[in-house]
Amino acid sequence: MNAKLGAMPRYIEDLNDLGGLSGTDIANIADVSKATVSRWKAGAVRPQPDTQLVLSDLHFIVQRLSEYYGADEIRTWLYARHPQLEGRRAVDLINQNRSEDVLRILDRLDADVYL
């Protein structure tokens, strides 16, 4: 990947490879169109600042999950409802800028309290 394109194309690629997330998944989580994700991946445009925060948090969470799970498992984990999140899905919390709630769960995973 060309370094001149910036971080976002790399983030999108990592979300695909590490997290098993398709362009459609990323679009749904970021609340944009799939075409917009394609433009980000090509480096043609950059996300708005608030969307950059959502994608940055998603990327960080996927990287942390990749220490424990494969891509398909990560995608499933992100979309599943979790008792530790009061029945909510991680993707919804990330979209609502509530990634800290998800990160607390990952801290428990790091402490060998498996989810």
N, C-alpha and C. Protein backbone atom coordinates (compact mmCIF):
# COMPACT_ATOMS: atom_id res chain seq x y z
N MET A 1 0.86 -1.18 0.00
CA MET A 1 0.00 0.00 0.00
C MET A 1 0.90 1.23 0.00
N ASN A 2 0.55 2.20 -0.79
CA ASN A 2 1.33 3.43 -0.94
C ASN A 2 1.22 4.28 0.32
N ALA A 3 2.36 4.61 0.91
CA ALA A 3 2.37 5.39 2.15
C ALA A 3 1.81 6.79 1.95
N LYS A 4 1.86 7.31 0.73
CA LYS A 4 1.36 8.65 0.47
C LYS A 4 -0.15 8.75 0.62
N LEU A 5 -0.83 7.63 0.57
CA LEU A 5 -2.28 7.65 0.66
C LEU A 5 -2.76 7.95 2.07
N GLY A 6 -1.92 7.76 3.05
CA GLY A 6 -2.29 8.06 4.42
C GLY A 6 -2.75 6.83 5.18
N ALA A 7 -3.16 7.09 6.41
CA ALA A 7 -3.50 6.01 7.33
C ALA A 7 -4.82 5.32 6.97
N MET A 8 -5.79 6.06 6.46
CA MET A 8 -7.12 5.48 6.29
C MET A 8 -7.13 4.28 5.34
N PRO A 9 -6.47 4.33 4.20
CA PRO A 9 -6.45 3.12 3.36
C PRO A 9 -5.84 1.91 4.08
N ARG A 10 -4.82 2.15 4.88
CA ARG A 10 -4.23 1.05 5.66
C ARG A 10 -5.22 0.55 6.71
N TYR A 11 -5.92 1.46 7.35
CA TYR A 11 -6.92 1.06 8.34
C TYR A 11 -7.98 0.18 7.69
N ILE A 12 -8.48 0.60 6.53
CA ILE A 12 -9.51 -0.16 5.83
C ILE A 12 -8.97 -1.56 5.48
N GLU A 13 -7.76 -1.61 4.99
CA GLU A 13 -7.14 -2.90 4.65
C GLU A 13 -7.00 -3.79 5.89
N ASP A 14 -6.55 -3.21 7.00
CA ASP A 14 -6.44 -3.97 8.25
C ASP A 14 -7.81 -4.46 8.73
N LEU A 15 -8.82 -3.62 8.62
CA LEU A 15 -10.16 -4.02 9.04
C LEU A 15 -10.65 -5.20 8.19
N ASN A 16 -10.31 -5.19 6.90
CA ASN A 16 -10.64 -6.31 6.02
C ASN A 16 -9.86 -7.56 6.42
N ASP A 17 -8.54 -7.42 6.51
CA ASP A 17 -7.66 -8.58 6.73
C ASP A 17 -7.73 -9.12 8.16
N LEU A 18 -7.55 -8.25 9.14
CA LEU A 18 -7.51 -8.68 10.54
C LEU A 18 -8.90 -8.94 11.11
N GLY A 19 -9.84 -8.07 10.74
CA GLY A 19 -11.16 -8.13 11.36
C GLY A 19 -12.22 -8.84 10.56
N GLY A 20 -11.90 -9.24 9.33
CA GLY A 20 -12.90 -9.92 8.50
C GLY A 20 -14.06 -9.03 8.12
N LEU A 21 -13.84 -7.71 8.19
CA LEU A 21 -14.92 -6.75 7.90
C LEU A 21 -14.90 -6.36 6.43
N SER A 22 -16.03 -6.48 5.78
CA SER A 22 -16.17 -6.08 4.38
C SER A 22 -16.37 -4.57 4.29
N GLY A 23 -16.32 -4.05 3.09
CA GLY A 23 -16.62 -2.64 2.88
C GLY A 23 -18.02 -2.29 3.37
N THR A 24 -18.95 -3.21 3.17
CA THR A 24 -20.32 -2.99 3.64
C THR A 24 -20.37 -2.94 5.16
N ASP A 25 -19.63 -3.84 5.83
CA ASP A 25 -19.57 -3.81 7.29
C ASP A 25 -19.04 -2.47 7.78
N ILE A 26 -17.93 -2.03 7.19
CA ILE A 26 -17.32 -0.76 7.60
C ILE A 26 -18.27 0.39 7.34
N ALA A 27 -18.95 0.36 6.21
CA ALA A 27 -19.93 1.41 5.89
C ALA A 27 -21.05 1.45 6.92
N ASN A 28 -21.54 0.28 7.31
CA ASN A 28 -22.62 0.23 8.31
C ASN A 28 -22.16 0.75 9.66
N ILE A 29 -20.96 0.36 10.07
CA ILE A 29 -20.45 0.79 11.36
C ILE A 29 -20.20 2.30 11.38
N ALA A 30 -19.67 2.83 10.27
CA ALA A 30 -19.35 4.26 10.19
C ALA A 30 -20.55 5.10 9.74
N ASP A 31 -21.65 4.43 9.39
CA ASP A 31 -22.87 5.11 8.94
C ASP A 31 -22.64 5.95 7.69
N VAL A 32 -21.99 5.32 6.69
CA VAL A 32 -21.75 5.94 5.39
C VAL A 32 -22.09 4.92 4.31
N SER A 33 -21.99 5.32 3.06
CA SER A 33 -22.25 4.39 1.97
C SER A 33 -21.03 3.52 1.69
N LYS A 34 -21.27 2.38 1.06
CA LYS A 34 -20.16 1.50 0.68
C LYS A 34 -19.24 2.21 -0.32
N ALA A 35 -19.81 3.04 -1.19
CA ALA A 35 -19.00 3.80 -2.16
C ALA A 35 -18.04 4.74 -1.43
N THR A 36 -18.49 5.31 -0.34
CA THR A 36 -17.62 6.20 0.44
C THR A 36 -16.44 5.43 1.00
N VAL A 37 -16.69 4.22 1.50
CA VAL A 37 -15.60 3.38 2.02
C VAL A 37 -14.62 3.06 0.89
N SER A 38 -15.12 2.80 -0.29
CA SER A 38 -14.25 2.53 -1.45
C SER A 38 -13.38 3.73 -1.77
N ARG A 39 -13.94 4.91 -1.67
CA ARG A 39 -13.14 6.13 -1.92
C ARG A 39 -12.08 6.33 -0.84
N TRP A 40 -12.42 6.01 0.41
CA TRP A 40 -11.42 6.09 1.48
C TRP A 40 -10.29 5.10 1.22
N LYS A 41 -10.67 3.88 0.83
CA LYS A 41 -9.67 2.83 0.60
C LYS A 41 -8.74 3.21 -0.55
N ALA A 42 -9.29 3.89 -1.56
CA ALA A 42 -8.48 4.33 -2.70
C ALA A 42 -7.66 5.57 -2.38
N GLY A 43 -7.94 6.20 -1.24
CA GLY A 43 -7.23 7.42 -0.87
C GLY A 43 -7.75 8.64 -1.60
N ALA A 44 -8.92 8.51 -2.24
CA ALA A 44 -9.49 9.63 -3.00
C ALA A 44 -10.04 10.72 -2.10
N VAL A 45 -10.57 10.33 -0.96
CA VAL A 45 -11.11 11.29 0.02
C VAL A 45 -10.78 10.79 1.41
N ARG A 46 -10.89 11.68 2.36
CA ARG A 46 -10.70 11.32 3.76
C ARG A 46 -12.02 11.43 4.49
N PRO A 47 -12.19 10.61 5.51
CA PRO A 47 -13.43 10.71 6.30
C PRO A 47 -13.48 12.03 7.07
N GLN A 48 -14.69 12.41 7.43
CA GLN A 48 -14.88 13.56 8.30
C GLN A 48 -14.24 13.26 9.65
N PRO A 49 -13.85 14.29 10.40
CA PRO A 49 -13.16 14.05 11.68
C PRO A 49 -13.92 13.13 12.64
N ASP A 50 -15.23 13.28 12.78
CA ASP A 50 -15.96 12.41 13.70
C ASP A 50 -15.96 10.96 13.22
N THR A 51 -16.01 10.77 11.90
CA THR A 51 -15.95 9.43 11.33
C THR A 51 -14.54 8.85 11.47
N GLN A 52 -13.53 9.70 11.37
CA GLN A 52 -12.16 9.24 11.58
C GLN A 52 -11.99 8.67 12.98
N LEU A 53 -12.63 9.30 13.96
CA LEU A 53 -12.56 8.79 15.34
C LEU A 53 -13.21 7.41 15.46
N VAL A 54 -14.36 7.24 14.83
CA VAL A 54 -15.04 5.95 14.86
C VAL A 54 -14.15 4.88 14.22
N LEU A 55 -13.58 5.20 13.05
CA LEU A 55 -12.74 4.23 12.34
C LEU A 55 -11.45 3.95 13.09
N SER A 56 -10.90 4.96 13.72
CA SER A 56 -9.69 4.77 14.51
C SER A 56 -9.97 3.85 15.70
N ASP A 57 -11.08 4.08 16.38
CA ASP A 57 -11.46 3.21 17.50
C ASP A 57 -11.72 1.79 17.02
N LEU A 58 -12.43 1.64 15.91
CA LEU A 58 -12.71 0.32 15.35
C LEU A 58 -11.39 -0.39 15.03
N HIS A 59 -10.46 0.32 14.41
CA HIS A 59 -9.17 -0.26 14.06
C HIS A 59 -8.42 -0.71 15.32
N PHE A 60 -8.41 0.12 16.34
CA PHE A 60 -7.72 -0.22 17.59
C PHE A 60 -8.34 -1.46 18.23
N ILE A 61 -9.65 -1.52 18.26
CA ILE A 61 -10.36 -2.65 18.85
C ILE A 61 -10.09 -3.93 18.05
N VAL A 62 -10.12 -3.83 16.74
CA VAL A 62 -9.83 -5.00 15.90
C VAL A 62 -8.40 -5.49 16.13
N GLN A 63 -7.46 -4.56 16.24
CA GLN A 63 -6.07 -4.96 16.51
C GLN A 63 -5.97 -5.69 17.85
N ARG A 64 -6.64 -5.19 18.85
CA ARG A 64 -6.61 -5.85 20.17
C ARG A 64 -7.25 -7.23 20.09
N LEU A 65 -8.37 -7.34 19.41
CA LEU A 65 -9.04 -8.64 19.29
C LEU A 65 -8.20 -9.63 18.50
N SER A 66 -7.39 -9.14 17.56
CA SER A 66 -6.57 -10.03 16.72
C SER A 66 -5.50 -10.77 17.53
N GLU A 67 -5.25 -10.30 18.75
CA GLU A 67 -4.31 -11.01 19.62
C GLU A 67 -4.91 -12.32 20.13
N TYR A 68 -6.24 -12.45 20.04
CA TYR A 68 -6.93 -13.61 20.58
C TYR A 68 -7.72 -14.40 19.55
N TYR A 69 -8.19 -13.71 18.50
CA TYR A 69 -9.13 -14.33 17.56
C TYR A 69 -8.68 -14.14 16.12
N GLY A 70 -9.20 -15.01 15.25
CA GLY A 70 -9.02 -14.87 13.82
C GLY A 70 -10.05 -13.90 13.25
N ALA A 71 -9.90 -13.58 11.97
CA ALA A 71 -10.75 -12.57 11.33
C ALA A 71 -12.24 -12.89 11.43
N ASP A 72 -12.63 -14.13 11.14
CA ASP A 72 -14.06 -14.49 11.20
C ASP A 72 -14.60 -14.37 12.62
N GLU A 73 -13.78 -14.79 13.60
CA GLU A 73 -14.20 -14.69 14.99
C GLU A 73 -14.33 -13.24 15.43
N ILE A 74 -13.44 -12.38 14.95
CA ILE A 74 -13.50 -10.96 15.31
C ILE A 74 -14.78 -10.35 14.78
N ARG A 75 -15.10 -10.64 13.52
CA ARG A 75 -16.32 -10.09 12.93
C ARG A 75 -17.53 -10.54 13.74
N THR A 76 -17.57 -11.82 14.08
CA THR A 76 -18.68 -12.35 14.87
C THR A 76 -18.73 -11.68 16.24
N TRP A 77 -17.57 -11.52 16.88
CA TRP A 77 -17.51 -10.88 18.21
C TRP A 77 -18.06 -9.47 18.14
N LEU A 78 -17.68 -8.72 17.13
CA LEU A 78 -18.13 -7.33 17.00
C LEU A 78 -19.64 -7.22 16.82
N TYR A 79 -20.24 -8.19 16.11
CA TYR A 79 -21.66 -8.13 15.81
C TYR A 79 -22.54 -8.83 16.84
N ALA A 80 -21.93 -9.63 17.71
CA ALA A 80 -22.72 -10.37 18.70
C ALA A 80 -23.16 -9.45 19.84
N ARG A 81 -24.29 -9.82 20.44
CA ARG A 81 -24.72 -9.14 21.67
C ARG A 81 -23.94 -9.74 22.83
N HIS A 82 -23.48 -8.88 23.73
CA HIS A 82 -22.64 -9.34 24.83
C HIS A 82 -23.29 -9.04 26.18
N PRO A 83 -23.36 -10.04 27.05
CA PRO A 83 -23.89 -9.79 28.39
C PRO A 83 -23.09 -8.71 29.11
N GLN A 84 -21.77 -8.67 28.88
CA GLN A 84 -20.93 -7.68 29.54
C GLN A 84 -21.20 -6.26 29.03
N LEU A 85 -21.89 -6.16 27.91
CA LEU A 85 -22.27 -4.85 27.35
C LEU A 85 -23.78 -4.63 27.48
N GLU A 86 -24.37 -5.31 28.46
CA GLU A 86 -25.81 -5.20 28.73
C GLU A 86 -26.64 -5.57 27.50
N GLY A 87 -26.17 -6.60 26.78
CA GLY A 87 -26.90 -7.09 25.62
C GLY A 87 -26.69 -6.28 24.35
N ARG A 88 -25.81 -5.30 24.40
CA ARG A 88 -25.57 -4.48 23.21
C ARG A 88 -24.46 -5.10 22.37
N ARG A 89 -24.37 -4.64 21.12
CA ARG A 89 -23.33 -5.09 20.20
C ARG A 89 -22.18 -4.09 20.19
N ALA A 90 -20.97 -4.60 20.09
CA ALA A 90 -19.79 -3.74 20.07
C ALA A 90 -19.84 -2.75 18.90
N VAL A 91 -20.29 -3.20 17.73
CA VAL A 91 -20.33 -2.30 16.57
C VAL A 91 -21.23 -1.09 16.82
N ASP A 92 -22.32 -1.31 17.52
CA ASP A 92 -23.23 -0.19 17.81
C ASP A 92 -22.59 0.81 18.77
N LEU A 93 -21.91 0.29 19.78
CA LEU A 93 -21.24 1.18 20.74
C LEU A 93 -20.12 1.97 20.08
N ILE A 94 -19.36 1.31 19.20
CA ILE A 94 -18.29 2.01 18.49
C ILE A 94 -18.89 3.12 17.64
N ASN A 95 -19.97 2.83 16.95
CA ASN A 95 -20.64 3.84 16.12
C ASN A 95 -21.14 5.02 16.94
N GLN A 96 -21.52 4.77 18.18
CA GLN A 96 -22.05 5.81 19.07
C GLN A 96 -20.95 6.51 19.88
N ASN A 97 -19.70 6.33 19.46
CA ASN A 97 -18.55 6.91 20.17
C ASN A 97 -18.50 6.47 21.62
N ARG A 98 -18.85 5.20 21.85
CA ARG A 98 -18.79 4.62 23.19
C ARG A 98 -17.80 3.46 23.22
N SER A 99 -16.70 3.64 22.52
CA SER A 99 -15.68 2.58 22.43
C SER A 99 -15.08 2.24 23.77
N GLU A 100 -15.08 3.18 24.71
CA GLU A 100 -14.54 2.91 26.04
C GLU A 100 -15.25 1.73 26.70
N ASP A 101 -16.56 1.59 26.45
CA ASP A 101 -17.30 0.46 27.01
C ASP A 101 -16.75 -0.86 26.47
N VAL A 102 -16.45 -0.87 25.17
CA VAL A 102 -15.90 -2.07 24.53
C VAL A 102 -14.48 -2.32 25.04
N LEU A 103 -13.71 -1.27 25.17
CA LEU A 103 -12.32 -1.42 25.62
C LEU A 103 -12.24 -1.98 27.04
N ARG A 104 -13.21 -1.66 27.87
CA ARG A 104 -13.23 -2.24 29.23
C ARG A 104 -13.39 -3.76 29.16
N ILE A 105 -14.20 -4.21 28.22
CA ILE A 105 -14.37 -5.66 28.03
C ILE A 105 -13.06 -6.28 27.55
N LEU A 106 -12.36 -5.60 26.66
CA LEU A 106 -11.09 -6.12 26.16
C LEU A 106 -10.03 -6.13 27.26
N ASP A 107 -10.11 -5.18 28.17
CA ASP A 107 -9.19 -5.20 29.31
C ASP A 107 -9.40 -6.46 30.15
N ARG A 108 -10.66 -6.88 30.28
CA ARG A 108 -10.95 -8.12 31.00
C ARG A 108 -10.38 -9.32 30.24
N LEU A 109 -10.47 -9.28 28.92
CA LEU A 109 -9.91 -10.35 28.09
C LEU A 109 -8.40 -10.41 28.30
N ASP A 110 -7.76 -9.25 28.36
CA ASP A 110 -6.32 -9.20 28.62
C ASP A 110 -5.98 -9.78 29.98
N ALA A 111 -6.91 -9.67 30.93
CA ALA A 111 -6.68 -10.18 32.28
C ALA A 111 -7.09 -11.65 32.40
N ASP A 112 -7.25 -12.33 31.25
CA ASP A 112 -7.60 -13.74 31.18
C ASP A 112 -9.00 -14.06 31.67
N VAL A 113 -9.91 -13.11 31.57
CA VAL A 113 -11.32 -13.37 31.84
C VAL A 113 -11.96 -13.49 30.46
N TYR A 114 -12.04 -14.69 29.94
CA TYR A 114 -12.44 -14.91 28.55
C TYR A 114 -13.91 -14.63 28.32
N LEU A 115 -14.19 -14.10 27.13
CA LEU A 115 -15.55 -13.72 26.77
C LEU A 115 -16.10 -14.63 25.69
